[in-house]
All heavy atoms as atom14 arrays in JSON, in Angstrom:
{
  "sequence": "LALALLTLMIAGATFGSFPFMQRLLPGIRLDMFFWVAVVT",
  "atom14_mask": [
    [1, 1, 1, 1, 1, 1, 1, 1, 0, 0, 0, 0, 0, 0],
    [1, 1, 1, 1, 1, 0, 0, 0, 0, 0, 0, 0, 0, 0],
    [1, 1, 1, 1, 1, 1, 1, 1, 0, 0, 0, 0, 0, 0],
    [1, 1, 1, 1, 1, 0, 0, 0, 0, 0, 0, 0, 0, 0],
    [1, 1, 1, 1, 1, 1, 1, 1, 0, 0, 0, 0, 0, 0],
    [1, 1, 1, 1, 1, 1, 1, 1, 0, 0, 0, 0, 0, 0],
    [1, 1, 1, 1, 1, 1, 1, 0, 0, 0, 0, 0, 0, 0],
    [1, 1, 1, 1, 1, 1, 1, 1, 0, 0, 0, 0, 0, 0],
    [1, 1, 1, 1, 1, 1, 1, 1, 0, 0, 0, 0, 0, 0],
    [1, 1, 1, 1, 1, 1, 1, 1, 0, 0, 0, 0, 0, 0],
    [1, 1, 1, 1, 1, 0, 0, 0, 0, 0, 0, 0, 0, 0],
    [1, 1, 1, 1, 0, 0, 0, 0, 0, 0, 0, 0, 0, 0],
    [1, 1, 1, 1, 1, 0, 0, 0, 0, 0, 0, 0, 0, 0],
    [1, 1, 1, 1, 1, 1, 1, 0, 0, 0, 0, 0, 0, 0],
    [1, 1, 1, 1, 1, 1, 1, 1, 1, 1, 1, 0, 0, 0],
    [1, 1, 1, 1, 0, 0, 0, 0, 0, 0, 0, 0, 0, 0],
    [1, 1, 1, 1, 1, 1, 0, 0, 0, 0, 0, 0, 0, 0],
    [1, 1, 1, 1, 1, 1, 1, 1, 1, 1, 1, 0, 0, 0],
    [1, 1, 1, 1, 1, 1, 1, 0, 0, 0, 0, 0, 0, 0],
    [1, 1, 1, 1, 1, 1, 1, 1, 1, 1, 1, 0, 0, 0],
    [1, 1, 1, 1, 1, 1, 1, 1, 0, 0, 0, 0, 0, 0],
    [1, 1, 1, 1, 1, 1, 1, 1, 1, 0, 0, 0, 0, 0],
    [1, 1, 1, 1, 1, 1, 1, 1, 1, 1, 1, 0, 0, 0],
    [1, 1, 1, 1, 1, 1, 1, 1, 0, 0, 0, 0, 0, 0],
    [1, 1, 1, 1, 1, 1, 1, 1, 0, 0, 0, 0, 0, 0],
    [1, 1, 1, 1, 1, 1, 1, 0, 0, 0, 0, 0, 0, 0],
    [1, 1, 1, 1, 0, 0, 0, 0, 0, 0, 0, 0, 0, 0],
    [1, 1, 1, 1, 1, 1, 1, 1, 0, 0, 0, 0, 0, 0],
    [1, 1, 1, 1, 1, 1, 1, 1, 1, 1, 1, 0, 0, 0],
    [1, 1, 1, 1, 1, 1, 1, 1, 0, 0, 0, 0, 0, 0],
    [1, 1, 1, 1, 1, 1, 1, 1, 0, 0, 0, 0, 0, 0],
    [1, 1, 1, 1, 1, 1, 1, 1, 0, 0, 0, 0, 0, 0],
    [1, 1, 1, 1, 1, 1, 1, 1, 1, 1, 1, 0, 0, 0],
    [1, 1, 1, 1, 1, 1, 1, 1, 1, 1, 1, 0, 0, 0],
    [1, 1, 1, 1, 1, 1, 1, 1, 1, 1, 1, 1, 1, 1],
    [1, 1, 1, 1, 1, 1, 1, 0, 0, 0, 0, 0, 0, 0],
    [1, 1, 1, 1, 1, 0, 0, 0, 0, 0, 0, 0, 0, 0],
    [1, 1, 1, 1, 1, 1, 1, 0, 0, 0, 0, 0, 0, 0],
    [1, 1, 1, 1, 1, 1, 1, 0, 0, 0, 0, 0, 0, 0],
    [1, 1, 1, 1, 1, 1, 1, 0, 0, 0, 0, 0, 0, 0]
  ],
  "atom14_positions": [
    [[175.45, 129.23, 112.61], [175.16, 128.78, 111.25], [173.87, 127.98, 111.21], [173.07, 128.11, 110.27], [176.32, 127.93, 110.72], [176.17, 127.38, 109.29], [175.96, 128.52, 108.3], [177.37, 126.53, 108.89], [0.0, 0.0, 0.0], [0.0, 0.0, 0.0], [0.0, 0.0, 0.0], [0.0, 0.0, 0.0], [0.0, 0.0, 0.0], [0.0, 0.0, 0.0]],
    [[173.62, 127.15, 112.21], [172.36, 126.4, 112.27], [171.18, 127.35, 112.37], [170.13, 127.13, 111.73], [172.39, 125.44, 113.46], [0.0, 0.0, 0.0], [0.0, 0.0, 0.0], [0.0, 0.0, 0.0], [0.0, 0.0, 0.0], [0.0, 0.0, 0.0], [0.0, 0.0, 0.0], [0.0, 0.0, 0.0], [0.0, 0.0, 0.0], [0.0, 0.0, 0.0]],
    [[171.31, 128.42, 113.17], [170.24, 129.41, 113.28], [170.02, 130.12, 111.95], [168.86, 130.37, 111.54], [170.58, 130.41, 114.37], [169.55, 131.53, 114.63], [168.21, 130.92, 115.03], [170.06, 132.49, 115.69], [0.0, 0.0, 0.0], [0.0, 0.0, 0.0], [0.0, 0.0, 0.0], [0.0, 0.0, 0.0], [0.0, 0.0, 0.0], [0.0, 0.0, 0.0]],
    [[171.11, 130.44, 111.25], [170.98, 131.11, 109.95], [170.31, 130.21, 108.92], [169.47, 130.66, 108.13], [172.37, 131.54, 109.45], [0.0, 0.0, 0.0], [0.0, 0.0, 0.0], [0.0, 0.0, 0.0], [0.0, 0.0, 0.0], [0.0, 0.0, 0.0], [0.0, 0.0, 0.0], [0.0, 0.0, 0.0], [0.0, 0.0, 0.0], [0.0, 0.0, 0.0]],
    [[170.66, 128.92, 108.93], [170.04, 127.99, 107.98], [168.56, 127.79, 108.3], [167.73, 127.65, 107.39], [170.78, 126.66, 108.02], [172.2, 126.68, 107.44], [172.87, 125.31, 107.62], [172.19, 127.06, 105.96], [0.0, 0.0, 0.0], [0.0, 0.0, 0.0], [0.0, 0.0, 0.0], [0.0, 0.0, 0.0], [0.0, 0.0, 0.0], [0.0, 0.0, 0.0]],
    [[168.22, 127.8, 109.58], [166.81, 127.7, 109.95], [166.03, 128.91, 109.45], [164.92, 128.78, 108.92], [166.68, 127.58, 111.48], [165.25, 127.56, 112.04], [164.49, 126.36, 111.53], [165.29, 127.57, 113.57], [0.0, 0.0, 0.0], [0.0, 0.0, 0.0], [0.0, 0.0, 0.0], [0.0, 0.0, 0.0], [0.0, 0.0, 0.0], [0.0, 0.0, 0.0]],
    [[166.62, 130.1, 109.6], [165.98, 131.31, 109.09], [165.85, 131.26, 107.57], [164.82, 131.66, 107.01], [166.8, 132.54, 109.51], [166.97, 132.54, 110.93], [166.1, 133.82, 109.09], [0.0, 0.0, 0.0], [0.0, 0.0, 0.0], [0.0, 0.0, 0.0], [0.0, 0.0, 0.0], [0.0, 0.0, 0.0], [0.0, 0.0, 0.0], [0.0, 0.0, 0.0]],
    [[166.89, 130.75, 106.91], [166.84, 130.62, 105.46], [165.72, 129.68, 105.02], [165.01, 129.96, 104.05], [168.19, 130.09, 104.95], [168.26, 129.73, 103.46], [168.07, 130.97, 102.59], [169.59, 129.05, 103.13], [0.0, 0.0, 0.0], [0.0, 0.0, 0.0], [0.0, 0.0, 0.0], [0.0, 0.0, 0.0], [0.0, 0.0, 0.0], [0.0, 0.0, 0.0]],
    [[165.55, 128.59, 105.74], [164.51, 127.63, 105.38], [163.12, 128.24, 105.51], [162.27, 128.11, 104.61], [164.62, 126.39, 106.27], [163.6, 125.32, 106.0], [163.74, 123.91, 107.13], [163.27, 124.7, 108.69], [0.0, 0.0, 0.0], [0.0, 0.0, 0.0], [0.0, 0.0, 0.0], [0.0, 0.0, 0.0], [0.0, 0.0, 0.0], [0.0, 0.0, 0.0]],
    [[162.88, 128.95, 106.61], [161.56, 129.55, 106.83], [161.3, 130.66, 105.81], [160.22, 130.74, 105.21], [161.46, 130.09, 108.27], [161.58, 128.93, 109.27], [160.15, 130.83, 108.47], [161.64, 129.38, 110.71], [0.0, 0.0, 0.0], [0.0, 0.0, 0.0], [0.0, 0.0, 0.0], [0.0, 0.0, 0.0], [0.0, 0.0, 0.0], [0.0, 0.0, 0.0]],
    [[162.32, 131.53, 105.61], [162.14, 132.63, 104.65], [161.98, 132.11, 103.23], [161.15, 132.6, 102.45], [163.33, 133.59, 104.75], [0.0, 0.0, 0.0], [0.0, 0.0, 0.0], [0.0, 0.0, 0.0], [0.0, 0.0, 0.0], [0.0, 0.0, 0.0], [0.0, 0.0, 0.0], [0.0, 0.0, 0.0], [0.0, 0.0, 0.0], [0.0, 0.0, 0.0]],
    [[162.79, 131.1, 102.87], [162.7, 130.55, 101.52], [161.36, 129.92, 101.24], [160.77, 130.09, 100.16], [0.0, 0.0, 0.0], [0.0, 0.0, 0.0], [0.0, 0.0, 0.0], [0.0, 0.0, 0.0], [0.0, 0.0, 0.0], [0.0, 0.0, 0.0], [0.0, 0.0, 0.0], [0.0, 0.0, 0.0], [0.0, 0.0, 0.0], [0.0, 0.0, 0.0]],
    [[160.83, 129.16, 102.22], [159.52, 128.53, 102.03], [158.41, 129.56, 101.98], [157.41, 129.39, 101.27], [159.26, 127.53, 103.15], [0.0, 0.0, 0.0], [0.0, 0.0, 0.0], [0.0, 0.0, 0.0], [0.0, 0.0, 0.0], [0.0, 0.0, 0.0], [0.0, 0.0, 0.0], [0.0, 0.0, 0.0], [0.0, 0.0, 0.0], [0.0, 0.0, 0.0]],
    [[158.59, 130.68, 102.72], [157.57, 131.73, 102.72], [157.55, 132.5, 101.4], [156.49, 132.65, 100.76], [157.8, 132.7, 103.89], [157.8, 131.97, 105.12], [156.73, 133.77, 103.92], [0.0, 0.0, 0.0], [0.0, 0.0, 0.0], [0.0, 0.0, 0.0], [0.0, 0.0, 0.0], [0.0, 0.0, 0.0], [0.0, 0.0, 0.0], [0.0, 0.0, 0.0]],
    [[158.72, 132.99, 100.98], [158.77, 133.78, 99.75], [158.69, 132.91, 98.51], [158.35, 133.4, 97.43], [160.07, 134.61, 99.73], [160.09, 135.72, 100.74], [160.79, 135.58, 101.93], [159.4, 136.9, 100.51], [160.81, 136.6, 102.86], [159.41, 137.93, 101.45], [160.12, 137.79, 102.63], [0.0, 0.0, 0.0], [0.0, 0.0, 0.0], [0.0, 0.0, 0.0]],
    [[159.02, 131.63, 98.64], [158.98, 130.75, 97.47], [157.59, 130.52, 96.93], [157.43, 130.14, 95.76], [0.0, 0.0, 0.0], [0.0, 0.0, 0.0], [0.0, 0.0, 0.0], [0.0, 0.0, 0.0], [0.0, 0.0, 0.0], [0.0, 0.0, 0.0], [0.0, 0.0, 0.0], [0.0, 0.0, 0.0], [0.0, 0.0, 0.0], [0.0, 0.0, 0.0]],
    [[156.58, 130.73, 97.77], [155.2, 130.54, 97.32], [154.6, 131.78, 96.69], [153.48, 131.73, 96.18], [154.33, 130.11, 98.51], [154.36, 131.09, 99.54], [0.0, 0.0, 0.0], [0.0, 0.0, 0.0], [0.0, 0.0, 0.0], [0.0, 0.0, 0.0], [0.0, 0.0, 0.0], [0.0, 0.0, 0.0], [0.0, 0.0, 0.0], [0.0, 0.0, 0.0]],
    [[155.35, 132.9, 96.7], [154.83, 134.13, 96.11], [154.84, 134.03, 94.58], [155.73, 133.39, 94.0], [155.66, 135.33, 96.56], [155.45, 135.71, 98.0], [156.24, 136.67, 98.6], [154.45, 135.11, 98.76], [156.04, 137.03, 99.92], [154.25, 135.45, 100.08], [155.05, 136.41, 100.67], [0.0, 0.0, 0.0], [0.0, 0.0, 0.0], [0.0, 0.0, 0.0]],
    [[153.9, 134.68, 93.91], [153.84, 134.59, 92.44], [155.09, 135.11, 91.73], [155.51, 134.54, 90.72], [152.61, 135.44, 92.1], [151.76, 135.41, 93.34], [152.75, 135.38, 94.48], [0.0, 0.0, 0.0], [0.0, 0.0, 0.0], [0.0, 0.0, 0.0], [0.0, 0.0, 0.0], [0.0, 0.0, 0.0], [0.0, 0.0, 0.0], [0.0, 0.0, 0.0]],
    [[155.7, 136.17, 92.26], [156.87, 136.71, 91.56], [158.04, 135.73, 91.59], [158.84, 135.69, 90.64], [157.27, 138.07, 92.17], [157.98, 137.98, 93.49], [159.37, 137.9, 93.54], [157.28, 137.98, 94.68], [160.03, 137.82, 94.75], [157.93, 137.9, 95.89], [159.31, 137.81, 95.93], [0.0, 0.0, 0.0], [0.0, 0.0, 0.0], [0.0, 0.0, 0.0]],
    [[158.17, 134.91, 92.64], [159.22, 133.91, 92.68], [158.93, 132.78, 91.69], [159.85, 132.24, 91.07], [159.34, 133.34, 94.1], [159.92, 134.31, 95.11], [161.63, 134.77, 94.73], [162.46, 133.19, 94.9], [0.0, 0.0, 0.0], [0.0, 0.0, 0.0], [0.0, 0.0, 0.0], [0.0, 0.0, 0.0], [0.0, 0.0, 0.0], [0.0, 0.0, 0.0]],
    [[157.67, 132.43, 91.53], [157.31, 131.39, 90.57], [157.53, 131.86, 89.14], [157.88, 131.06, 88.27], [155.85, 130.98, 90.78], [155.6, 130.35, 92.15], [154.14, 130.02, 92.37], [153.31, 130.25, 91.51], [153.83, 129.48, 93.55], [0.0, 0.0, 0.0], [0.0, 0.0, 0.0], [0.0, 0.0, 0.0], [0.0, 0.0, 0.0], [0.0, 0.0, 0.0]],
    [[157.34, 133.17, 88.92], [157.65, 133.71, 87.58], [159.15, 133.82, 87.36], [159.64, 133.66, 86.23], [156.99, 135.07, 87.41], [155.47, 135.03, 87.32], [154.92, 136.36, 86.83], [155.26, 137.43, 87.76], [154.47, 137.84, 88.75], [153.29, 137.23, 88.95], [154.85, 138.82, 89.55], [0.0, 0.0, 0.0], [0.0, 0.0, 0.0], [0.0, 0.0, 0.0]],
    [[159.89, 134.1, 88.44], [161.35, 134.24, 88.32], [162.02, 132.91, 88.06], [162.98, 132.82, 87.28], [161.91, 134.89, 89.6], [163.41, 135.16, 89.64], [163.79, 136.17, 88.55], [163.82, 135.67, 91.01], [0.0, 0.0, 0.0], [0.0, 0.0, 0.0], [0.0, 0.0, 0.0], [0.0, 0.0, 0.0], [0.0, 0.0, 0.0], [0.0, 0.0, 0.0]],
    [[161.52, 131.85, 88.71], [162.09, 130.5, 88.57], [160.98, 129.54, 88.16], [160.47, 128.77, 88.99], [162.75, 130.05, 89.87], [163.94, 130.88, 90.35], [164.36, 130.43, 91.75], [165.11, 130.76, 89.39], [0.0, 0.0, 0.0], [0.0, 0.0, 0.0], [0.0, 0.0, 0.0], [0.0, 0.0, 0.0], [0.0, 0.0, 0.0], [0.0, 0.0, 0.0]],
    [[160.56, 129.58, 86.91], [159.47, 128.69, 86.49], [159.93, 127.23, 86.47], [161.07, 126.92, 86.15], [159.14, 129.18, 85.07], [160.41, 129.82, 84.6], [161.06, 130.42, 85.82], [0.0, 0.0, 0.0], [0.0, 0.0, 0.0], [0.0, 0.0, 0.0], [0.0, 0.0, 0.0], [0.0, 0.0, 0.0], [0.0, 0.0, 0.0], [0.0, 0.0, 0.0]],
    [[159.02, 126.35, 86.83], [159.32, 124.93, 86.83], [159.97, 124.42, 88.09], [160.22, 123.22, 88.21], [0.0, 0.0, 0.0], [0.0, 0.0, 0.0], [0.0, 0.0, 0.0], [0.0, 0.0, 0.0], [0.0, 0.0, 0.0], [0.0, 0.0, 0.0], [0.0, 0.0, 0.0], [0.0, 0.0, 0.0], [0.0, 0.0, 0.0], [0.0, 0.0, 0.0]],
    [[160.27, 125.32, 89.04], [160.9, 124.92, 90.31], [159.94, 125.24, 91.45], [159.52, 126.39, 91.6], [162.24, 125.64, 90.54], [163.21, 125.32, 89.39], [162.85, 125.22, 91.88], [164.55, 126.04, 89.53], [0.0, 0.0, 0.0], [0.0, 0.0, 0.0], [0.0, 0.0, 0.0], [0.0, 0.0, 0.0], [0.0, 0.0, 0.0], [0.0, 0.0, 0.0]],
    [[159.6, 124.22, 92.24], [158.71, 124.42, 93.38], [159.54, 124.73, 94.62], [160.16, 123.83, 95.2], [157.85, 123.18, 93.59], [156.88, 122.89, 92.45], [156.02, 121.69, 92.78], [155.27, 121.91, 94.02], [154.49, 120.98, 94.58], [154.39, 119.77, 94.03], [153.82, 121.24, 95.69], [0.0, 0.0, 0.0], [0.0, 0.0, 0.0], [0.0, 0.0, 0.0]],
    [[159.55, 125.98, 95.0], [160.32, 126.4, 96.17], [159.46, 126.26, 97.43], [159.25, 127.22, 98.17], [160.81, 127.84, 95.99], [161.69, 128.09, 94.76], [162.05, 129.56, 94.66], [162.96, 127.25, 94.84], [0.0, 0.0, 0.0], [0.0, 0.0, 0.0], [0.0, 0.0, 0.0], [0.0, 0.0, 0.0], [0.0, 0.0, 0.0], [0.0, 0.0, 0.0]],
    [[158.98, 125.05, 97.69], [158.13, 124.81, 98.84], [158.97, 124.4, 100.04], [160.21, 124.39, 99.99], [157.08, 123.75, 98.52], [157.71, 122.47, 97.98], [158.95, 122.38, 97.94], [156.96, 121.56, 97.59], [0.0, 0.0, 0.0], [0.0, 0.0, 0.0], [0.0, 0.0, 0.0], [0.0, 0.0, 0.0], [0.0, 0.0, 0.0], [0.0, 0.0, 0.0]],
    [[158.3, 124.04, 101.13], [159.0, 123.68, 102.36], [159.87, 122.45, 102.17], [160.98, 122.36, 102.71], [157.99, 123.45, 103.49], [158.61, 123.04, 104.82], [159.75, 124.28, 105.49], [158.58, 125.52, 106.07], [0.0, 0.0, 0.0], [0.0, 0.0, 0.0], [0.0, 0.0, 0.0], [0.0, 0.0, 0.0], [0.0, 0.0, 0.0], [0.0, 0.0, 0.0]],
    [[159.38, 121.46, 101.41], [160.17, 120.26, 101.18], [161.5, 120.59, 100.5], [162.55, 120.03, 100.85], [159.37, 119.26, 100.33], [160.13, 118.01, 99.99], [160.25, 116.98, 100.92], [160.74, 117.86, 98.76], [160.95, 115.84, 100.61], [161.45, 116.72, 98.45], [161.56, 115.7, 99.38], [0.0, 0.0, 0.0], [0.0, 0.0, 0.0], [0.0, 0.0, 0.0]],
    [[161.46, 121.49, 99.51], [162.69, 121.88, 98.8], [163.7, 122.49, 99.76], [164.88, 122.11, 99.75], [162.33, 122.87, 97.68], [163.52, 123.47, 96.99], [164.15, 122.78, 95.96], [164.01, 124.7, 97.37], [165.26, 123.34, 95.32], [165.11, 125.26, 96.74], [165.74, 124.57, 95.71], [0.0, 0.0, 0.0], [0.0, 0.0, 0.0], [0.0, 0.0, 0.0]],
    [[163.24, 123.42, 100.59], [164.18, 124.12, 101.48], [164.65, 123.23, 102.62], [165.79, 123.36, 103.08], [163.53, 125.39, 102.01], [163.4, 126.44, 100.96], [162.27, 126.82, 100.3], [164.47, 127.22, 100.4], [162.55, 127.79, 99.37], [163.9, 128.05, 99.42], [165.82, 127.3, 100.64], [164.66, 128.96, 98.68], [166.59, 128.19, 99.9], [166.01, 129.01, 98.93]],
    [[163.81, 122.31, 103.08], [164.26, 121.35, 104.09], [165.38, 120.48, 103.54], [166.38, 120.21, 104.22], [163.08, 120.49, 104.58], [163.58, 119.3, 105.38], [162.13, 121.32, 105.43], [0.0, 0.0, 0.0], [0.0, 0.0, 0.0], [0.0, 0.0, 0.0], [0.0, 0.0, 0.0], [0.0, 0.0, 0.0], [0.0, 0.0, 0.0], [0.0, 0.0, 0.0]],
    [[165.23, 120.03, 102.28], [166.27, 119.21, 101.66], [167.56, 120.0, 101.5], [168.66, 119.49, 101.77], [165.78, 118.69, 100.31], [0.0, 0.0, 0.0], [0.0, 0.0, 0.0], [0.0, 0.0, 0.0], [0.0, 0.0, 0.0], [0.0, 0.0, 0.0], [0.0, 0.0, 0.0], [0.0, 0.0, 0.0], [0.0, 0.0, 0.0], [0.0, 0.0, 0.0]],
    [[167.45, 121.27, 101.07], [168.65, 122.11, 100.89], [169.36, 122.33, 102.21], [170.59, 122.18, 102.33], [168.26, 123.45, 100.23], [169.45, 124.41, 100.25], [167.79, 123.23, 98.8], [0.0, 0.0, 0.0], [0.0, 0.0, 0.0], [0.0, 0.0, 0.0], [0.0, 0.0, 0.0], [0.0, 0.0, 0.0], [0.0, 0.0, 0.0], [0.0, 0.0, 0.0]],
    [[168.6, 122.69, 103.24], [169.2, 122.98, 104.54], [169.8, 121.72, 105.16], [170.87, 121.76, 105.78], [168.14, 123.6, 105.47], [168.65, 123.66, 106.91], [167.76, 124.99, 104.99], [0.0, 0.0, 0.0], [0.0, 0.0, 0.0], [0.0, 0.0, 0.0], [0.0, 0.0, 0.0], [0.0, 0.0, 0.0], [0.0, 0.0, 0.0], [0.0, 0.0, 0.0]],
    [[169.16, 120.57, 104.96], [169.71, 119.32, 105.5], [171.04, 118.99, 104.87], [172.0, 118.59, 105.56], [168.71, 118.17, 105.26], [167.46, 118.48, 105.88], [169.25, 116.87, 105.83], [0.0, 0.0, 0.0], [0.0, 0.0, 0.0], [0.0, 0.0, 0.0], [0.0, 0.0, 0.0], [0.0, 0.0, 0.0], [0.0, 0.0, 0.0], [0.0, 0.0, 0.0]]
  ]
}
């Protein structure tokens, strides 16, 4: 589970910066800080 959450954090921070994700979820910054907080 720790390995899966680590993968989720890296993938989320990578795809969260793409324009289509910003259009899909406007007003939410899916950056590394967001995913680190979620995974923690």
